Amino acid sequence: ISGLGRDGRALAIAPKVLMRRFLGWRTRLESEREPARLGIGV
């Protein structure tokens, strides 16, 4: 049962980590593609 609880916790955390990683990756691509719009490198 302890193993099941550990897996359940991992399944609950994984989507949050993946979403945060995806948002960070997308933000980095957008900042590289349109630096002027985000005020970077001005």
Protein backbone atom coordinates (compact mmCIF):
# COMPACT_ATOMS: atom_id res chain seq x y z
CA ILE A 1 0.00 0.00 0.00
CA SER A 2 2.91 2.33 0.73
CA GLY A 3 4.18 1.65 -2.80
CA LEU A 4 0.78 2.50 -4.24
CA GLY A 5 0.72 5.76 -2.31
CA ARG A 6 4.18 6.66 -3.59
CA ASP A 7 3.12 5.99 -7.19
CA GLY A 8 -0.06 8.02 -6.70
CA ARG A 9 1.95 10.96 -5.39
CA ALA A 10 4.32 10.72 -8.38
CA LEU A 11 1.37 10.67 -10.78
CA ALA A 12 -0.03 13.76 -9.08
CA ILE A 13 3.27 15.67 -9.24
CA ALA A 14 4.45 14.61 -12.71
CA PRO A 15 1.85 16.60 -14.72
CA LYS A 16 2.71 19.78 -12.78
CA VAL A 17 6.43 19.33 -13.44
CA LEU A 18 5.86 18.56 -17.12
CA MET A 19 3.53 21.53 -17.53
CA ARG A 20 6.00 23.88 -15.84
CA ARG A 21 8.82 22.54 -18.03
CA PHE A 22 6.69 22.93 -21.17
CA LEU A 23 5.67 26.50 -20.28
CA GLY A 24 9.30 27.43 -19.58
CA TRP A 25 10.38 25.89 -22.89
CA ARG A 26 7.63 27.70 -24.80
CA THR A 27 8.45 31.01 -23.10
CA ARG A 28 12.12 30.60 -24.00
CA LEU A 29 11.27 29.95 -27.65
CA GLU A 30 8.98 32.98 -27.78
CA SER A 31 11.61 35.22 -26.15
CA GLU A 32 14.21 34.08 -28.68
CA ARG A 33 11.84 34.56 -31.59
CA GLU A 34 10.42 37.95 -30.56
CA PRO A 35 12.88 39.71 -28.20
CA ALA A 36 11.58 43.21 -28.99
CA ARG A 37 8.00 42.38 -28.04
CA LEU A 38 9.04 41.13 -24.61
CA GLY A 39 11.49 43.99 -24.05
CA ILE A 40 14.53 41.69 -23.91
CA GLY A 41 17.83 42.96 -25.29
CA VAL A 42 16.64 46.57 -25.42
